[in-house]
Amino acid sequence: MSFKAVPEPVTRLVEEFSKLPGIGPKTASRLVYHLLKAADERSLDLATALQELKARTRFCDTCFNITEEQPCPICRDPDRERRLICVVEAPLDVLAIEKTAVYHGQYHVLHGAISPIEGVGPDDLRITELYDRIRRGDVREIIIATNPTLEGEATAMYVQRQLAAHVPTISRLARGLPVGGDLEYVDQVTLARALEGRSAM
């Protein structure tokens, strides 16, 4: 006689949690067993939140940040400097920069970085859309705020080469950010100083 030690729904949820970044099989198992022990409301609240995430959020048609409406609140804000665009890899980077309360321009989210090892090339990012924005508007400066990693540096150099003839000033966040780190984990003071001390590429 044979039997399955772990029910299929448990196995499936562990597998799905394991697909998330930074969550291995052990952490996934702990999360699933926590939900099993928790009140039904907690699991239902999580399921509802996931459904609302997919149903109510999308990417802004202009900057490709996460939004519930078109265009996003930052792109709609008349007080933002429209001739200044900060280019970042991910929506979490927008949140990190906004927390500094130093930057008051627009954003453009690439949704990744060039990484030949992972098969990510320029065509997989929102670089063409950035070029289109520049052609349509009077952009005086692009701040490249990709992460200080090999992939981030490669992306920054590519963007700089593509846009150099079309924008008066292209700058990069000042050094002082930790090499190999992600913007979302940088403290607000360091990030604010990096923005204020940016230099031309």
C-alpha atoms as a PDB file:
ATOM      1  CA  MET A   1       0.000   0.000   0.000  1.00  0.00           C
ATOM      2  CA  SER A   2       1.363   3.434  -0.913  1.00  0.00           C
ATOM      3  CA  PHE A   3       0.276   6.900   0.104  1.00  0.00           C
ATOM      4  CA  LYS A   4       1.434  10.445  -0.519  1.00  0.00           C
ATOM      5  CA  ALA A   5       2.983  12.055   2.555  1.00  0.00           C
ATOM      6  CA  VAL A   6       2.145  15.613   1.492  1.00  0.00           C
ATOM      7  CA  PRO A   7      -1.184  16.600  -0.061  1.00  0.00           C
ATOM      8  CA  GLU A   8      -1.023  17.963  -3.605  1.00  0.00           C
ATOM      9  CA  PRO A   9      -2.313  21.488  -2.730  1.00  0.00           C
ATOM     10  CA  VAL A  10       0.511  21.870  -0.191  1.00  0.00           C
ATOM     11  CA  THR A  11       3.143  20.689  -2.667  1.00  0.00           C
ATOM     12  CA  ARG A  12       1.825  22.996  -5.346  1.00  0.00           C
ATOM     13  CA  LEU A  13       1.840  26.083  -3.130  1.00  0.00           C
ATOM     14  CA  VAL A  14       5.376  25.305  -1.924  1.00  0.00           C
ATOM     15  CA  GLU A  15       6.472  25.073  -5.562  1.00  0.00           C
ATOM     16  CA  GLU A  16       4.787  28.387  -6.419  1.00  0.00           C
ATOM     17  CA  PHE A  17       6.343  30.207  -3.440  1.00  0.00           C
ATOM     18  CA  SER A  18       9.746  28.734  -4.394  1.00  0.00           C
ATOM     19  CA  LYS A  19       9.517  30.476  -7.785  1.00  0.00           C
ATOM     20  CA  LEU A  20       9.525  33.891  -6.094  1.00  0.00           C
ATOM     21  CA  PRO A  21      12.886  35.735  -5.891  1.00  0.00           C
ATOM     22  CA  GLY A  22      14.749  35.197  -2.646  1.00  0.00           C
ATOM     23  CA  ILE A  23      12.538  32.328  -1.491  1.00  0.00           C
ATOM     24  CA  GLY A  24      14.019  28.849  -1.439  1.00  0.00           C
ATOM     25  CA  PRO A  25      12.224  25.553  -0.792  1.00  0.00           C
ATOM     26  CA  LYS A  26      12.676  25.738   3.010  1.00  0.00           C
ATOM     27  CA  THR A  27      11.284  29.261   3.276  1.00  0.00           C
ATOM     28  CA  ALA A  28       8.461  28.322   0.921  1.00  0.00           C
ATOM     29  CA  SER A  29       7.580  25.350   3.115  1.00  0.00           C
ATOM     30  CA  ARG A  30       7.575  27.526   6.242  1.00  0.00           C
ATOM     31  CA  LEU A  31       5.236  30.021   4.568  1.00  0.00           C
ATOM     32  CA  VAL A  32       2.827  27.308   3.464  1.00  0.00           C
ATOM     33  CA  TYR A  33       2.710  25.618   6.875  1.00  0.00           C
ATOM     34  CA  HIS A  34       2.237  29.019   8.520  1.00  0.00           C
ATOM     35  CA  LEU A  35      -0.793  29.613   6.300  1.00  0.00           C
ATOM     36  CA  LEU A  36      -2.136  26.145   7.124  1.00  0.00           C
ATOM     37  CA  LYS A  37      -1.992  26.920  10.851  1.00  0.00           C
ATOM     38  CA  ALA A  38      -3.274  30.492  10.554  1.00  0.00           C
ATOM     39  CA  ALA A  39      -6.893  31.526  10.640  1.00  0.00           C
ATOM     40  CA  ASP A  40      -8.787  31.054   7.369  1.00  0.00           C
ATOM     41  CA  GLU A  41      -9.095  34.826   7.007  1.00  0.00           C
ATOM     42  CA  ARG A  42      -5.331  35.213   6.584  1.00  0.00           C
ATOM     43  CA  SER A  43      -5.180  32.846   3.617  1.00  0.00           C
ATOM     44  CA  LEU A  44      -8.287  34.394   2.089  1.00  0.00           C
ATOM     45  CA  ASP A  45      -6.870  37.909   2.554  1.00  0.00           C
ATOM     46  CA  LEU A  46      -3.675  36.831   0.811  1.00  0.00           C
ATOM     47  CA  ALA A  47      -5.628  35.290  -2.071  1.00  0.00           C
ATOM     48  CA  THR A  48      -7.746  38.432  -2.421  1.00  0.00           C
ATOM     49  CA  ALA A  49      -4.668  40.684  -2.369  1.00  0.00           C
ATOM     50  CA  LEU A  50      -3.049  38.612  -5.144  1.00  0.00           C
ATOM     51  CA  GLN A  51      -6.198  38.782  -7.259  1.00  0.00           C
ATOM     52  CA  GLU A  52      -6.463  42.557  -6.796  1.00  0.00           C
ATOM     53  CA  LEU A  53      -2.789  42.974  -7.664  1.00  0.00           C
ATOM     54  CA  LYS A  54      -3.341  41.418 -11.078  1.00  0.00           C
ATOM     55  CA  ALA A  55      -6.788  42.889 -11.670  1.00  0.00           C
ATOM     56  CA  ARG A  56      -6.209  46.507 -10.614  1.00  0.00           C
ATOM     57  CA  THR A  57      -2.559  47.303 -11.367  1.00  0.00           C
ATOM     58  CA  ARG A  58      -0.831  47.827 -14.711  1.00  0.00           C
ATOM     59  CA  PHE A  59       2.173  49.677 -16.097  1.00  0.00           C
ATOM     60  CA  CYS A  60       1.929  53.380 -16.882  1.00  0.00           C
ATOM     61  CA  ASP A  61       1.785  53.966 -20.635  1.00  0.00           C
ATOM     62  CA  THR A  62       4.329  56.772 -20.294  1.00  0.00           C
ATOM     63  CA  CYS A  63       6.949  55.772 -17.710  1.00  0.00           C
ATOM     64  CA  PHE A  64       6.112  52.057 -17.168  1.00  0.00           C
ATOM     65  CA  ASN A  65       5.919  52.392 -13.403  1.00  0.00           C
ATOM     66  CA  ILE A  66       3.187  50.466 -11.579  1.00  0.00           C
ATOM     67  CA  THR A  67      -0.152  52.270 -11.478  1.00  0.00           C
ATOM     68  CA  GLU A  68      -3.904  51.837 -11.080  1.00  0.00           C
ATOM     69  CA  GLU A  69      -4.755  54.564 -13.589  1.00  0.00           C
ATOM     70  CA  GLN A  70      -3.391  56.046 -16.804  1.00  0.00           C
ATOM     71  CA  PRO A  71      -1.144  57.911 -16.712  1.00  0.00           C
ATOM     72  CA  CYS A  72       0.371  57.289 -13.283  1.00  0.00           C
ATOM     73  CA  PRO A  73       0.193  59.993 -10.558  1.00  0.00           C
ATOM     74  CA  ILE A  74       3.824  61.039 -11.114  1.00  0.00           C
ATOM     75  CA  CYS A  75       3.375  61.509 -14.867  1.00  0.00           C
ATOM     76  CA  ARG A  76       0.123  63.409 -14.220  1.00  0.00           C
ATOM     77  CA  ASP A  77       1.587  65.734 -11.583  1.00  0.00           C
ATOM     78  CA  PRO A  78       1.881  69.249 -13.102  1.00  0.00           C
ATOM     79  CA  ASP A  79       4.512  70.218 -10.515  1.00  0.00           C
ATOM     80  CA  ARG A  80       7.030  67.597 -11.714  1.00  0.00           C
ATOM     81  CA  GLU A  81       9.868  68.746 -13.963  1.00  0.00           C
ATOM     82  CA  ARG A  82       8.951  67.204 -17.325  1.00  0.00           C
ATOM     83  CA  ARG A  83      12.283  67.928 -18.994  1.00  0.00           C
ATOM     84  CA  LEU A  84      14.138  65.752 -16.467  1.00  0.00           C
ATOM     85  CA  ILE A  85      13.845  61.949 -16.657  1.00  0.00           C
ATOM     86  CA  CYS A  86      15.406  59.501 -14.210  1.00  0.00           C
ATOM     87  CA  VAL A  87      15.946  56.050 -15.761  1.00  0.00           C
ATOM     88  CA  VAL A  88      15.704  53.108 -13.336  1.00  0.00           C
ATOM     89  CA  GLU A  89      15.626  49.339 -13.630  1.00  0.00           C
ATOM     90  CA  ALA A  90      12.527  48.552 -11.564  1.00  0.00           C
ATOM     91  CA  PRO A  91       9.451  50.134  -9.945  1.00  0.00           C
ATOM     92  CA  LEU A  92      10.991  49.575  -6.496  1.00  0.00           C
ATOM     93  CA  ASP A  93      13.793  51.945  -7.537  1.00  0.00           C
ATOM     94  CA  VAL A  94      11.206  54.692  -8.140  1.00  0.00           C
ATOM     95  CA  LEU A  95       9.908  54.154  -4.616  1.00  0.00           C
ATOM     96  CA  ALA A  96      13.448  54.329  -3.180  1.00  0.00           C
ATOM     97  CA  ILE A  97      14.212  57.614  -4.956  1.00  0.00           C
ATOM     98  CA  GLU A  98      10.839  59.140  -4.063  1.00  0.00           C
ATOM     99  CA  LYS A  99      11.539  58.484  -0.372  1.00  0.00           C
ATOM    100  CA  THR A 100      14.516  60.857  -0.534  1.00  0.00           C
ATOM    101  CA  ALA A 101      12.166  63.787  -1.393  1.00  0.00           C
ATOM    102  CA  VAL A 102      15.079  65.277  -3.385  1.00  0.00           C
ATOM    103  CA  TYR A 103      14.104  64.418  -6.929  1.00  0.00           C
ATOM    104  CA  HIS A 104      11.134  66.158  -8.594  1.00  0.00           C
ATOM    105  CA  GLY A 105      11.376  65.064 -12.224  1.00  0.00           C
ATOM    106  CA  GLN A 106       9.849  62.245 -14.248  1.00  0.00           C
ATOM    107  CA  TYR A 107      10.858  58.568 -14.376  1.00  0.00           C
ATOM    108  CA  HIS A 108      11.326  55.848 -16.935  1.00  0.00           C
ATOM    109  CA  VAL A 109      11.339  52.215 -15.756  1.00  0.00           C
ATOM    110  CA  LEU A 110      13.315  49.818 -17.963  1.00  0.00           C
ATOM    111  CA  HIS A 111      12.068  46.635 -16.243  1.00  0.00           C
ATOM    112  CA  GLY A 112      15.453  44.996 -16.071  1.00  0.00           C
ATOM    113  CA  ALA A 113      19.065  45.387 -17.114  1.00  0.00           C
ATOM    114  CA  ILE A 114      21.110  44.100 -20.016  1.00  0.00           C
ATOM    115  CA  SER A 115      22.450  40.662 -19.089  1.00  0.00           C
ATOM    116  CA  PRO A 116      23.747  38.410 -21.873  1.00  0.00           C
ATOM    117  CA  ILE A 117      24.178  35.544 -19.391  1.00  0.00           C
ATOM    118  CA  GLU A 118      20.450  35.610 -18.612  1.00  0.00           C
ATOM    119  CA  GLY A 119      19.531  36.253 -22.234  1.00  0.00           C
ATOM    120  CA  VAL A 120      18.342  39.826 -21.603  1.00  0.00           C
ATOM    121  CA  GLY A 121      19.229  42.237 -24.387  1.00  0.00           C
ATOM    122  CA  PRO A 122      18.329  45.870 -25.120  1.00  0.00           C
ATOM    123  CA  ASP A 123      15.201  44.802 -27.028  1.00  0.00           C
ATOM    124  CA  ASP A 124      13.867  43.130 -23.866  1.00  0.00           C
ATOM    125  CA  LEU A 125      13.882  46.447 -21.987  1.00  0.00           C
ATOM    126  CA  ARG A 126      11.840  49.652 -22.364  1.00  0.00           C
ATOM    127  CA  ILE A 127      14.685  51.510 -24.091  1.00  0.00           C
ATOM    128  CA  THR A 128      12.825  52.091 -27.374  1.00  0.00           C
ATOM    129  CA  GLU A 129       9.969  53.684 -25.440  1.00  0.00           C
ATOM    130  CA  LEU A 130      12.475  55.965 -23.682  1.00  0.00           C
ATOM    131  CA  TYR A 131      13.870  57.043 -27.049  1.00  0.00           C
ATOM    132  CA  ASP A 132      10.317  57.738 -28.269  1.00  0.00           C
ATOM    133  CA  ARG A 133       9.638  59.918 -25.209  1.00  0.00           C
ATOM    134  CA  ILE A 134      12.746  61.956 -25.902  1.00  0.00           C
ATOM    135  CA  ARG A 135      11.796  62.463 -29.549  1.00  0.00           C
ATOM    136  CA  ARG A 136       8.316  63.668 -28.551  1.00  0.00           C
ATOM    137  CA  GLY A 137       9.334  66.089 -25.793  1.00  0.00           C
ATOM    138  CA  ASP A 138      11.847  68.715 -24.771  1.00  0.00           C
ATOM    139  CA  VAL A 139      14.066  66.634 -22.459  1.00  0.00           C
ATOM    140  CA  ARG A 140      17.081  68.523 -21.136  1.00  0.00           C
ATOM    141  CA  GLU A 141      18.593  65.844 -18.895  1.00  0.00           C
ATOM    142  CA  ILE A 142      18.518  62.082 -18.463  1.00  0.00           C
ATOM    143  CA  ILE A 143      19.702  60.745 -15.097  1.00  0.00           C
ATOM    144  CA  ILE A 144      20.727  57.123 -15.426  1.00  0.00           C
ATOM    145  CA  ALA A 145      20.039  55.464 -12.082  1.00  0.00           C
ATOM    146  CA  THR A 146      20.563  51.810 -12.915  1.00  0.00           C
ATOM    147  CA  ASN A 147      22.014  49.647 -10.160  1.00  0.00           C
ATOM    148  CA  PRO A 148      25.805  49.747  -9.615  1.00  0.00           C
ATOM    149  CA  THR A 149      26.245  46.164 -10.842  1.00  0.00           C
ATOM    150  CA  LEU A 150      27.903  44.835 -13.995  1.00  0.00           C
ATOM    151  CA  GLU A 151      24.480  44.573 -15.629  1.00  0.00           C
ATOM    152  CA  GLY A 152      23.492  48.042 -14.443  1.00  0.00           C
ATOM    153  CA  GLU A 153      26.721  49.558 -15.749  1.00  0.00           C
ATOM    154  CA  ALA A 154      26.330  47.817 -19.117  1.00  0.00           C
ATOM    155  CA  THR A 155      22.768  49.135 -19.361  1.00  0.00           C
ATOM    156  CA  ALA A 156      23.866  52.655 -18.417  1.00  0.00           C
ATOM    157  CA  MET A 157      26.571  52.679 -21.094  1.00  0.00           C
ATOM    158  CA  TYR A 158      24.154  51.376 -23.724  1.00  0.00           C
ATOM    159  CA  VAL A 159      21.499  53.975 -22.882  1.00  0.00           C
ATOM    160  CA  GLN A 160      24.119  56.736 -22.865  1.00  0.00           C
ATOM    161  CA  ARG A 161      25.385  55.742 -26.319  1.00  0.00           C
ATOM    162  CA  GLN A 162      21.873  55.555 -27.746  1.00  0.00           C
ATOM    163  CA  LEU A 163      20.718  58.910 -26.387  1.00  0.00           C
ATOM    164  CA  ALA A 164      23.871  61.053 -26.388  1.00  0.00           C
ATOM    165  CA  ALA A 165      23.006  62.775 -29.681  1.00  0.00           C
ATOM    166  CA  HIS A 166      19.422  63.544 -28.603  1.00  0.00           C
ATOM    167  CA  VAL A 167      19.719  64.907 -25.032  1.00  0.00           C
ATOM    168  CA  PRO A 168      21.867  67.884 -23.922  1.00  0.00           C
ATOM    169  CA  THR A 169      22.889  66.265 -20.623  1.00  0.00           C
ATOM    170  CA  ILE A 170      23.140  62.614 -19.601  1.00  0.00           C
ATOM    171  CA  SER A 171      24.249  62.033 -16.020  1.00  0.00           C
ATOM    172  CA  ARG A 172      24.818  59.026 -13.787  1.00  0.00           C
ATOM    173  CA  LEU A 173      24.157  58.791 -10.057  1.00  0.00           C
ATOM    174  CA  ALA A 174      27.262  59.801  -8.128  1.00  0.00           C
ATOM    175  CA  ARG A 175      29.561  57.133  -6.807  1.00  0.00           C
ATOM    176  CA  GLY A 176      29.193  56.209  -3.190  1.00  0.00           C
ATOM    177  CA  LEU A 177      26.407  53.743  -3.810  1.00  0.00           C
ATOM    178  CA  PRO A 178      27.595  50.272  -2.846  1.00  0.00           C
ATOM    179  CA  VAL A 179      28.875  48.328  -5.853  1.00  0.00           C
ATOM    180  CA  GLY A 180      26.896  45.153  -6.354  1.00  0.00           C
ATOM    181  CA  GLY A 181      23.927  46.492  -4.384  1.00  0.00           C
ATOM    182  CA  ASP A 182      20.338  47.326  -5.309  1.00  0.00           C
ATOM    183  CA  LEU A 183      18.827  50.808  -4.997  1.00  0.00           C
ATOM    184  CA  GLU A 184      15.872  49.541  -2.993  1.00  0.00           C
ATOM    185  CA  TYR A 185      18.229  48.607  -0.101  1.00  0.00           C
ATOM    186  CA  VAL A 186      20.240  51.861  -0.041  1.00  0.00           C
ATOM    187  CA  ASP A 187      19.534  54.208   2.875  1.00  0.00           C
ATOM    188  CA  GLN A 188      17.787  57.493   2.053  1.00  0.00           C
ATOM    189  CA  VAL A 189      20.728  59.786   2.927  1.00  0.00           C
ATOM    190  CA  THR A 190      23.156  57.916   0.660  1.00  0.00           C
ATOM    191  CA  LEU A 191      20.643  57.859  -2.175  1.00  0.00           C
ATOM    192  CA  ALA A 192      19.832  61.564  -1.765  1.00  0.00           C
ATOM    193  CA  ARG A 193      23.549  62.483  -1.880  1.00  0.00           C
ATOM    194  CA  ALA A 194      24.023  60.290  -4.956  1.00  0.00           C
ATOM    195  CA  LEU A 195      21.218  62.135  -6.715  1.00  0.00           C
ATOM    196  CA  GLU A 196      22.501  65.580  -5.736  1.00  0.00           C
ATOM    197  CA  GLY A 197      26.094  64.721  -6.662  1.00  0.00           C
ATOM    198  CA  ARG A 198      25.371  63.060 -10.003  1.00  0.00           C
ATOM    199  CA  SER A 199      27.937  63.665 -12.726  1.00  0.00           C
ATOM    200  CA  ALA A 200      27.872  63.779 -16.526  1.00  0.00           C
ATOM    201  CA  MET A 201      28.804  60.546 -18.278  1.00  0.00           C
END
